[in-house]
Amino acid sequence: MVDVTFIIVNFNTKQLLNSLLSFFESSHFPFSYSIIVVDNNSIDGSRSFLNEKRGIIVVLNDENIGYGRAVNKGLIFADSKYVCILNTDVVLDNDALSGLWRFMEKNSNVGVCSPIVYWPNGRIQGFFFKFNMLFFYSDFLNKIYSKIKKFYLSKAKSAVKVDGVIGAFIFLRRSLIKDNKLFDEDYFFYYEDTDLAHRLKKDNILTMVLPQYKIIHQDGQSSKDKNWRLFYTGRYIYIKKHYGIEHARRV
């Protein structure tokens, strides 16, 4: 068993994947770790690239099975105390990963933690969730809350509690994952992370952001052409599951 398993889902992002793996090859951490890459049938040379890699576990799917299902498939091979779910379009930081691990080791009451996630231009992303049905009816209220929370995070000196964090980067305890199923497989690509965060919050699992650490997320690099049908399908499924079918239909 290692301390941390990093699970990376790749779909036609060979160059980003190469950069991410190169980061690990040149970094040193105070914890032991393994890397699992799940490829969703890429056609950009990723598969031949992965076949030449050593020291990582590679799972090659015969079709694009979606993000959540791919992560769940990778979890089968994760034998560790912690799991870190990664998109290929994140730019990691050695100190951040080390700091998150140390924080989790010292705070057994925390289930999930995250650094602040920034855009490449230096602005804070809306990487956190606040579960309030009103936000689905009023984008204005959602934006006001997000703006206030971002400001608070930018000034914070200690860990900040949030309802949950986006799926591009999730650092959590392996013990929270039952039967190798982290994500609900009813979702294909969108809202699986929202659903996960909501379920963890319902189970009183504490999620904390450590403002002294940061990473960069080049959002959407694995899905540059957003599939709006999949997006709204995921949105409908999520609202139906957590708020009821009438709200899902109205929204």
C-alpha atoms as a PDB file:
ATOM      1  CA  MET A   1       0.000   0.000   0.000  1.00  0.00           C
ATOM      2  CA  VAL A   2       1.157   3.533  -0.824  1.00  0.00           C
ATOM      3  CA  ASP A   3       0.111   6.809   0.760  1.00  0.00           C
ATOM      4  CA  VAL A   4      -1.533   8.417  -2.282  1.00  0.00           C
ATOM      5  CA  THR A   5      -2.899   7.096  -5.568  1.00  0.00           C
ATOM      6  CA  PHE A   6      -3.241   9.661  -8.348  1.00  0.00           C
ATOM      7  CA  ILE A   7      -5.946   8.774 -10.866  1.00  0.00           C
ATOM      8  CA  ILE A   8      -5.831  10.614 -14.186  1.00  0.00           C
ATOM      9  CA  VAL A   9      -8.500  10.292 -16.881  1.00  0.00           C
ATOM     10  CA  ASN A  10      -7.283  11.059 -20.394  1.00  0.00           C
ATOM     11  CA  PHE A  11      -9.224  11.634 -23.599  1.00  0.00           C
ATOM     12  CA  ASN A  12      -7.269  13.037 -26.543  1.00  0.00           C
ATOM     13  CA  THR A  13      -5.012  15.260 -24.420  1.00  0.00           C
ATOM     14  CA  LYS A  14      -1.630  13.650 -25.042  1.00  0.00           C
ATOM     15  CA  GLN A  15       0.440  16.815 -24.624  1.00  0.00           C
ATOM     16  CA  LEU A  16      -1.263  17.767 -21.368  1.00  0.00           C
ATOM     17  CA  LEU A  17      -0.872  14.218 -20.099  1.00  0.00           C
ATOM     18  CA  ASN A  18       2.821  14.272 -20.968  1.00  0.00           C
ATOM     19  CA  SER A  19       3.281  17.533 -19.042  1.00  0.00           C
ATOM     20  CA  LEU A  20       1.445  16.149 -16.027  1.00  0.00           C
ATOM     21  CA  LEU A  21       3.448  12.933 -15.932  1.00  0.00           C
ATOM     22  CA  SER A  22       6.668  14.901 -16.428  1.00  0.00           C
ATOM     23  CA  PHE A  23       5.788  16.889 -13.309  1.00  0.00           C
ATOM     24  CA  PHE A  24       5.697  13.704 -11.254  1.00  0.00           C
ATOM     25  CA  GLU A  25       8.921  12.443 -12.780  1.00  0.00           C
ATOM     26  CA  SER A  26      10.762  15.590 -11.676  1.00  0.00           C
ATOM     27  CA  SER A  27       9.137  15.980  -8.236  1.00  0.00           C
ATOM     28  CA  HIS A  28       9.891  14.620  -4.793  1.00  0.00           C
ATOM     29  CA  PHE A  29       7.266  14.183  -2.092  1.00  0.00           C
ATOM     30  CA  PRO A  30       7.227  13.234   1.597  1.00  0.00           C
ATOM     31  CA  PHE A  31       4.723  10.481   0.774  1.00  0.00           C
ATOM     32  CA  SER A  32       4.756   7.349  -1.352  1.00  0.00           C
ATOM     33  CA  TYR A  33       2.460   7.260  -4.355  1.00  0.00           C
ATOM     34  CA  SER A  34       1.286   5.442  -7.449  1.00  0.00           C
ATOM     35  CA  ILE A  35      -0.195   6.778 -10.692  1.00  0.00           C
ATOM     36  CA  ILE A  36      -3.105   5.280 -12.606  1.00  0.00           C
ATOM     37  CA  VAL A  37      -3.991   6.639 -16.045  1.00  0.00           C
ATOM     38  CA  VAL A  38      -7.333   5.637 -17.536  1.00  0.00           C
ATOM     39  CA  ASP A  39      -7.580   6.367 -21.258  1.00  0.00           C
ATOM     40  CA  ASN A  40     -11.036   6.684 -22.822  1.00  0.00           C
ATOM     41  CA  ASN A  41     -10.104   5.384 -26.278  1.00  0.00           C
ATOM     42  CA  SER A  42      -8.053   8.399 -27.392  1.00  0.00           C
ATOM     43  CA  ILE A  43      -7.084   8.712 -31.064  1.00  0.00           C
ATOM     44  CA  ASP A  44      -4.350  11.349 -30.701  1.00  0.00           C
ATOM     45  CA  GLY A  45      -1.437   9.001 -30.002  1.00  0.00           C
ATOM     46  CA  SER A  46      -2.057   8.875 -26.259  1.00  0.00           C
ATOM     47  CA  ARG A  47      -2.374   5.108 -26.197  1.00  0.00           C
ATOM     48  CA  SER A  48       0.966   4.379 -27.846  1.00  0.00           C
ATOM     49  CA  PHE A  49       2.524   7.043 -25.618  1.00  0.00           C
ATOM     50  CA  LEU A  50       1.125   5.335 -22.521  1.00  0.00           C
ATOM     51  CA  ASN A  51       2.243   1.900 -23.679  1.00  0.00           C
ATOM     52  CA  GLU A  52       5.823   3.165 -23.604  1.00  0.00           C
ATOM     53  CA  LYS A  53       5.536   4.551 -20.057  1.00  0.00           C
ATOM     54  CA  ARG A  54       6.984   2.646 -17.116  1.00  0.00           C
ATOM     55  CA  GLY A  55       6.157   2.902 -13.450  1.00  0.00           C
ATOM     56  CA  ILE A  56       2.474   3.731 -13.888  1.00  0.00           C
ATOM     57  CA  ILE A  57      -0.673   1.647 -14.159  1.00  0.00           C
ATOM     58  CA  VAL A  58      -2.423   2.114 -17.507  1.00  0.00           C
ATOM     59  CA  VAL A  59      -6.066   1.216 -18.126  1.00  0.00           C
ATOM     60  CA  LEU A  60      -7.072   1.339 -21.797  1.00  0.00           C
ATOM     61  CA  ASN A  61     -10.786   1.476 -22.519  1.00  0.00           C
ATOM     62  CA  ASP A  62     -12.207   0.363 -25.859  1.00  0.00           C
ATOM     63  CA  GLU A  63     -14.635   3.282 -25.884  1.00  0.00           C
ATOM     64  CA  ASN A  64     -15.205   6.635 -24.204  1.00  0.00           C
ATOM     65  CA  ILE A  65     -17.035   5.530 -21.077  1.00  0.00           C
ATOM     66  CA  GLY A  66     -17.224   8.998 -19.532  1.00  0.00           C
ATOM     67  CA  TYR A  67     -15.371  10.628 -16.662  1.00  0.00           C
ATOM     68  CA  GLY A  68     -17.007   9.094 -13.601  1.00  0.00           C
ATOM     69  CA  ARG A  69     -16.986   5.543 -14.904  1.00  0.00           C
ATOM     70  CA  ALA A  70     -13.342   5.910 -15.937  1.00  0.00           C
ATOM     71  CA  VAL A  71     -12.355   7.080 -12.447  1.00  0.00           C
ATOM     72  CA  ASN A  72     -14.275   4.191 -10.904  1.00  0.00           C
ATOM     73  CA  LYS A  73     -12.467   1.763 -13.194  1.00  0.00           C
ATOM     74  CA  GLY A  74      -9.119   3.174 -12.098  1.00  0.00           C
ATOM     75  CA  LEU A  75     -10.086   2.830  -8.432  1.00  0.00           C
ATOM     76  CA  ILE A  76     -10.017  -0.947  -8.797  1.00  0.00           C
ATOM     77  CA  PHE A  77      -6.210  -0.691  -8.856  1.00  0.00           C
ATOM     78  CA  ALA A  78      -5.884   1.938  -6.101  1.00  0.00           C
ATOM     79  CA  ASP A  79      -4.341   0.485  -2.943  1.00  0.00           C
ATOM     80  CA  SER A  80      -3.633   3.558  -0.832  1.00  0.00           C
ATOM     81  CA  LYS A  81      -4.690   5.647   2.145  1.00  0.00           C
ATOM     82  CA  TYR A  82      -5.641   8.629  -0.034  1.00  0.00           C
ATOM     83  CA  VAL A  83      -6.807   9.101  -3.612  1.00  0.00           C
ATOM     84  CA  CYS A  84      -6.267  12.201  -5.720  1.00  0.00           C
ATOM     85  CA  ILE A  85      -8.461  12.564  -8.814  1.00  0.00           C
ATOM     86  CA  LEU A  86      -6.888  14.696 -11.545  1.00  0.00           C
ATOM     87  CA  ASN A  87      -7.815  16.152 -14.896  1.00  0.00           C
ATOM     88  CA  THR A  88      -4.988  16.267 -17.414  1.00  0.00           C
ATOM     89  CA  ASP A  89      -5.370  20.051 -17.697  1.00  0.00           C
ATOM     90  CA  VAL A  90      -4.225  20.867 -14.160  1.00  0.00           C
ATOM     91  CA  VAL A  91      -0.819  22.377 -13.437  1.00  0.00           C
ATOM     92  CA  LEU A  92       0.301  20.979 -10.103  1.00  0.00           C
ATOM     93  CA  ASP A  93       2.575  22.323  -7.403  1.00  0.00           C
ATOM     94  CA  ASN A  94       4.927  20.203  -5.301  1.00  0.00           C
ATOM     95  CA  ASP A  95       4.360  22.208  -2.111  1.00  0.00           C
ATOM     96  CA  ALA A  96       0.595  22.062  -2.558  1.00  0.00           C
ATOM     97  CA  LEU A  97       0.469  18.277  -2.835  1.00  0.00           C
ATOM     98  CA  SER A  98       2.837  17.856   0.111  1.00  0.00           C
ATOM     99  CA  GLY A  99       0.857  20.352   2.168  1.00  0.00           C
ATOM    100  CA  LEU A 100      -2.476  18.672   1.454  1.00  0.00           C
ATOM    101  CA  TRP A 101      -1.089  15.297   2.500  1.00  0.00           C
ATOM    102  CA  ARG A 102       0.348  16.685   5.742  1.00  0.00           C
ATOM    103  CA  PHE A 103      -2.956  18.442   6.513  1.00  0.00           C
ATOM    104  CA  MET A 104      -4.953  15.236   6.017  1.00  0.00           C
ATOM    105  CA  GLU A 105      -2.511  13.299   8.192  1.00  0.00           C
ATOM    106  CA  LYS A 106      -3.023  15.790  11.027  1.00  0.00           C
ATOM    107  CA  ASN A 107      -6.805  16.224  10.626  1.00  0.00           C
ATOM    108  CA  SER A 108      -8.541  12.864  10.655  1.00  0.00           C
ATOM    109  CA  ASN A 109     -11.968  14.564  10.766  1.00  0.00           C
ATOM    110  CA  VAL A 110     -11.487  15.969   7.243  1.00  0.00           C
ATOM    111  CA  GLY A 111     -12.524  13.766   4.324  1.00  0.00           C
ATOM    112  CA  VAL A 112     -11.672  15.948   1.327  1.00  0.00           C
ATOM    113  CA  CYS A 113      -9.275  18.838   0.834  1.00  0.00           C
ATOM    114  CA  SER A 114      -8.164  21.120  -1.964  1.00  0.00           C
ATOM    115  CA  PRO A 115      -5.822  24.010  -2.694  1.00  0.00           C
ATOM    116  CA  ILE A 116      -7.246  27.167  -4.248  1.00  0.00           C
ATOM    117  CA  VAL A 117      -7.730  26.548  -7.961  1.00  0.00           C
ATOM    118  CA  TYR A 118      -6.741  29.397 -10.268  1.00  0.00           C
ATOM    119  CA  TRP A 119      -7.229  30.214 -13.925  1.00  0.00           C
ATOM    120  CA  PRO A 120      -4.012  30.606 -15.939  1.00  0.00           C
ATOM    121  CA  ASN A 121      -4.542  34.405 -15.757  1.00  0.00           C
ATOM    122  CA  GLY A 122      -4.265  34.348 -11.957  1.00  0.00           C
ATOM    123  CA  ARG A 123      -7.950  34.686 -11.086  1.00  0.00           C
ATOM    124  CA  ILE A 124      -9.617  32.261  -8.692  1.00  0.00           C
ATOM    125  CA  GLN A 125     -11.942  29.756 -10.343  1.00  0.00           C
ATOM    126  CA  GLY A 126     -15.353  28.863  -9.019  1.00  0.00           C
ATOM    127  CA  PHE A 127     -13.955  25.489  -7.963  1.00  0.00           C
ATOM    128  CA  PHE A 128     -16.194  25.112  -4.895  1.00  0.00           C
ATOM    129  CA  PHE A 129     -19.848  24.215  -4.489  1.00  0.00           C
ATOM    130  CA  LYS A 130     -22.622  25.736  -2.418  1.00  0.00           C
ATOM    131  CA  PHE A 131     -25.762  23.650  -2.436  1.00  0.00           C
ATOM    132  CA  ASN A 132     -28.801  25.869  -2.651  1.00  0.00           C
ATOM    133  CA  MET A 133     -31.680  25.217  -5.027  1.00  0.00           C
ATOM    134  CA  LEU A 134     -32.219  28.968  -5.420  1.00  0.00           C
ATOM    135  CA  PHE A 135     -28.952  29.203  -7.365  1.00  0.00           C
ATOM    136  CA  PHE A 136     -30.476  27.134 -10.178  1.00  0.00           C
ATOM    137  CA  TYR A 137     -33.281  29.680 -10.476  1.00  0.00           C
ATOM    138  CA  SER A 138     -31.126  32.783 -10.051  1.00  0.00           C
ATOM    139  CA  ASP A 139     -27.739  32.943 -11.722  1.00  0.00           C
ATOM    140  CA  PHE A 140     -27.366  36.420 -10.202  1.00  0.00           C
ATOM    141  CA  LEU A 141     -27.495  35.047  -6.637  1.00  0.00           C
ATOM    142  CA  ASN A 142     -25.054  32.299  -7.570  1.00  0.00           C
ATOM    143  CA  LYS A 143     -22.574  34.819  -8.980  1.00  0.00           C
ATOM    144  CA  ILE A 144     -22.848  37.062  -5.911  1.00  0.00           C
ATOM    145  CA  TYR A 145     -22.168  34.151  -3.573  1.00  0.00           C
ATOM    146  CA  SER A 146     -19.237  32.961  -5.714  1.00  0.00           C
ATOM    147  CA  LYS A 147     -17.698  36.430  -5.802  1.00  0.00           C
ATOM    148  CA  ILE A 148     -17.923  36.827  -2.013  1.00  0.00           C
ATOM    149  CA  LYS A 149     -16.494  33.345  -1.401  1.00  0.00           C
ATOM    150  CA  LYS A 150     -13.581  33.942  -3.778  1.00  0.00           C
ATOM    151  CA  PHE A 151     -12.751  37.177  -1.977  1.00  0.00           C
ATOM    152  CA  TYR A 152     -12.917  35.421   1.383  1.00  0.00           C
ATOM    153  CA  LEU A 153     -10.622  32.627   0.149  1.00  0.00           C
ATOM    154  CA  SER A 154      -8.135  35.144  -1.237  1.00  0.00           C
ATOM    155  CA  LYS A 155      -7.799  36.728   2.232  1.00  0.00           C
ATOM    156  CA  ALA A 156      -7.993  33.581   4.359  1.00  0.00           C
ATOM    157  CA  LYS A 157      -5.017  32.492   6.451  1.00  0.00           C
ATOM    158  CA  SER A 158      -6.346  29.122   7.574  1.00  0.00           C
ATOM    159  CA  ALA A 159      -8.429  26.262   6.182  1.00  0.00           C
ATOM    160  CA  VAL A 160     -11.883  27.207   4.882  1.00  0.00           C
ATOM    161  CA  LYS A 161     -14.895  24.890   4.883  1.00  0.00           C
ATOM    162  CA  VAL A 162     -16.820  24.477   1.604  1.00  0.00           C
ATOM    163  CA  ASP A 163     -19.693  22.248   0.519  1.00  0.00           C
ATOM    164  CA  GLY A 164     -17.511  20.492  -2.060  1.00  0.00           C
ATOM    165  CA  VAL A 165     -14.983  20.943  -4.860  1.00  0.00           C
ATOM    166  CA  ILE A 166     -14.959  20.321  -8.614  1.00  0.00           C
ATOM    167  CA  GLY A 167     -13.782  17.063 -10.135  1.00  0.00           C
ATOM    168  CA  ALA A 168     -10.672  18.495 -11.795  1.00  0.00           C
ATOM    169  CA  PHE A 169      -8.829  18.005  -8.497  1.00  0.00           C
ATOM    170  CA  ILE A 170     -10.140  16.033  -5.527  1.00  0.00           C
ATOM    171  CA  PHE A 171      -7.902  14.813  -2.688  1.00  0.00           C
ATOM    172  CA  LEU A 172      -9.824  12.446  -0.422  1.00  0.00           C
ATOM    173  CA  ARG A 173      -9.551   9.502   1.922  1.00  0.00           C
ATOM    174  CA  ARG A 174      -9.716   6.100   0.246  1.00  0.00           C
ATOM    175  CA  SER A 175     -11.947   4.903   3.094  1.00  0.00           C
ATOM    176  CA  LEU A 176     -14.783   7.104   1.761  1.00  0.00           C
ATOM    177  CA  ILE A 177     -14.952   5.044  -1.429  1.00  0.00           C
ATOM    178  CA  LYS A 178     -17.167   1.980  -1.183  1.00  0.00           C
ATOM    179  CA  ASP A 179     -16.931  -0.931  -3.635  1.00  0.00           C
ATOM    180  CA  ASN A 180     -14.572   1.097  -5.863  1.00  0.00           C
ATOM    181  CA  LYS A 181     -17.411   3.452  -6.779  1.00  0.00           C
ATOM    182  CA  LEU A 182     -16.704   7.126  -6.166  1.00  0.00           C
ATOM    183  CA  PHE A 183     -18.855   8.660  -8.898  1.00  0.00           C
ATOM    184  CA  ASP A 184     -22.457   7.880  -9.784  1.00  0.00           C
ATOM    185  CA  GLU A 185     -22.296   6.264 -13.227  1.00  0.00           C
ATOM    186  CA  ASP A 186     -25.659   7.692 -14.281  1.00  0.00           C
ATOM    187  CA  TYR A 187     -23.635  10.756 -15.329  1.00  0.00           C
ATOM    188  CA  PHE A 188     -21.428  10.671 -18.408  1.00  0.00           C
ATOM    189  CA  PHE A 189     -19.304  13.802 -18.209  1.00  0.00           C
ATOM    190  CA  TYR A 190     -21.060  16.741 -16.488  1.00  0.00           C
ATOM    191  CA  TYR A 191     -22.357  17.071 -12.919  1.00  0.00           C
ATOM    192  CA  GLU A 192     -20.830  13.846 -11.630  1.00  0.00           C
ATOM    193  CA  ASP A 193     -18.576  15.931  -9.386  1.00  0.00           C
ATOM    194  CA  THR A 194     -21.499  18.055  -8.164  1.00  0.00           C
ATOM    195  CA  ASP A 195     -23.397  14.891  -7.315  1.00  0.00           C
ATOM    196  CA  LEU A 196     -20.395  13.437  -5.470  1.00  0.00           C
ATOM    197  CA  ALA A 197     -19.848  16.585  -3.427  1.00  0.00           C
ATOM    198  CA  HIS A 198     -23.544  16.740  -2.552  1.00  0.00           C
ATOM    199  CA  ARG A 199     -23.598  13.129  -1.375  1.00  0.00           C
ATOM    200  CA  LEU A 200     -20.477  13.618   0.738  1.00  0.00           C
ATOM    201  CA  LYS A 201     -21.985  16.707   2.343  1.00  0.00           C
ATOM    202  CA  LYS A 202     -25.187  14.796   3.127  1.00  0.00           C
ATOM    203  CA  ASP A 203     -22.994  12.222   4.847  1.00  0.00           C
ATOM    204  CA  ASN A 204     -21.377  15.015   6.903  1.00  0.00           C
ATOM    205  CA  ILE A 205     -17.990  14.528   5.259  1.00  0.00           C
ATOM    206  CA  LEU A 206     -15.928  17.665   5.841  1.00  0.00           C
ATOM    207  CA  THR A 207     -14.346  19.363   2.797  1.00  0.00           C
ATOM    208  CA  MET A 208     -11.674  21.993   3.409  1.00  0.00           C
ATOM    209  CA  VAL A 209      -9.768  24.412   1.167  1.00  0.00           C
ATOM    210  CA  LEU A 210      -6.197  25.289   2.155  1.00  0.00           C
ATOM    211  CA  PRO A 211      -5.691  28.876   0.930  1.00  0.00           C
ATOM    212  CA  GLN A 212      -1.899  28.829   1.278  1.00  0.00           C
ATOM    213  CA  TYR A 213      -1.648  26.369  -1.609  1.00  0.00           C
ATOM    214  CA  LYS A 214      -2.652  26.737  -5.236  1.00  0.00           C
ATOM    215  CA  ILE A 215      -2.841  24.896  -8.534  1.00  0.00           C
ATOM    216  CA  ILE A 216      -3.872  26.022 -12.021  1.00  0.00           C
ATOM    217  CA  HIS A 217      -6.726  24.509 -13.992  1.00  0.00           C
ATOM    218  CA  GLN A 218      -6.794  25.104 -17.737  1.00  0.00           C
ATOM    219  CA  ASP A 219     -10.528  24.460 -17.717  1.00  0.00           C
ATOM    220  CA  GLY A 220     -12.122  22.491 -20.518  1.00  0.00           C
ATOM    221  CA  GLN A 221      -9.012  21.371 -22.386  1.00  0.00           C
ATOM    222  CA  SER A 222     -10.343  17.825 -22.666  1.00  0.00           C
ATOM    223  CA  SER A 223     -13.734  19.074 -23.925  1.00  0.00           C
ATOM    224  CA  LYS A 224     -13.070  22.259 -25.855  1.00  0.00           C
ATOM    225  CA  ASP A 225     -16.310  21.880 -27.812  1.00  0.00           C
ATOM    226  CA  LYS A 226     -18.835  21.676 -24.994  1.00  0.00           C
ATOM    227  CA  ASN A 227     -21.567  19.131 -25.541  1.00  0.00           C
ATOM    228  CA  TRP A 228     -24.606  21.055 -24.361  1.00  0.00           C
ATOM    229  CA  ARG A 229     -26.893  18.039 -24.645  1.00  0.00           C
ATOM    230  CA  LEU A 230     -24.709  16.096 -22.220  1.00  0.00           C
ATOM    231  CA  PHE A 231     -24.384  19.160 -19.986  1.00  0.00           C
ATOM    232  CA  TYR A 232     -28.120  19.678 -19.598  1.00  0.00           C
ATOM    233  CA  THR A 233     -28.742  15.937 -19.333  1.00  0.00           C
ATOM    234  CA  GLY A 234     -26.324  15.815 -16.398  1.00  0.00           C
ATOM    235  CA  ARG A 235     -27.915  18.910 -14.887  1.00  0.00           C
ATOM    236  CA  TYR A 236     -31.387  17.356 -15.126  1.00  0.00           C
ATOM    237  CA  ILE A 237     -30.229  14.069 -13.560  1.00  0.00           C
ATOM    238  CA  TYR A 238     -28.507  15.903 -10.713  1.00  0.00           C
ATOM    239  CA  ILE A 239     -31.462  18.157  -9.836  1.00  0.00           C
ATOM    240  CA  LYS A 240     -33.884  15.247 -10.062  1.00  0.00           C
ATOM    241  CA  LYS A 241     -31.767  13.122  -7.705  1.00  0.00           C
ATOM    242  CA  HIS A 242     -31.195  15.798  -5.078  1.00  0.00           C
ATOM    243  CA  TYR A 243     -34.140  18.210  -5.323  1.00  0.00           C
ATOM    244  CA  GLY A 244     -36.905  16.257  -7.037  1.00  0.00           C
ATOM    245  CA  ILE A 245     -38.365  15.858 -10.505  1.00  0.00           C
ATOM    246  CA  GLU A 246     -40.539  18.992 -10.356  1.00  0.00           C
ATOM    247  CA  HIS A 247     -37.526  21.255  -9.826  1.00  0.00           C
ATOM    248  CA  ALA A 248     -35.663  19.359 -12.551  1.00  0.00           C
ATOM    249  CA  ARG A 249     -38.468  20.007 -15.033  1.00  0.00           C
ATOM    250  CA  ARG A 250     -38.788  23.684 -14.112  1.00  0.00           C
ATOM    251  CA  VAL A 251     -35.082  24.424 -14.280  1.00  0.00           C
END
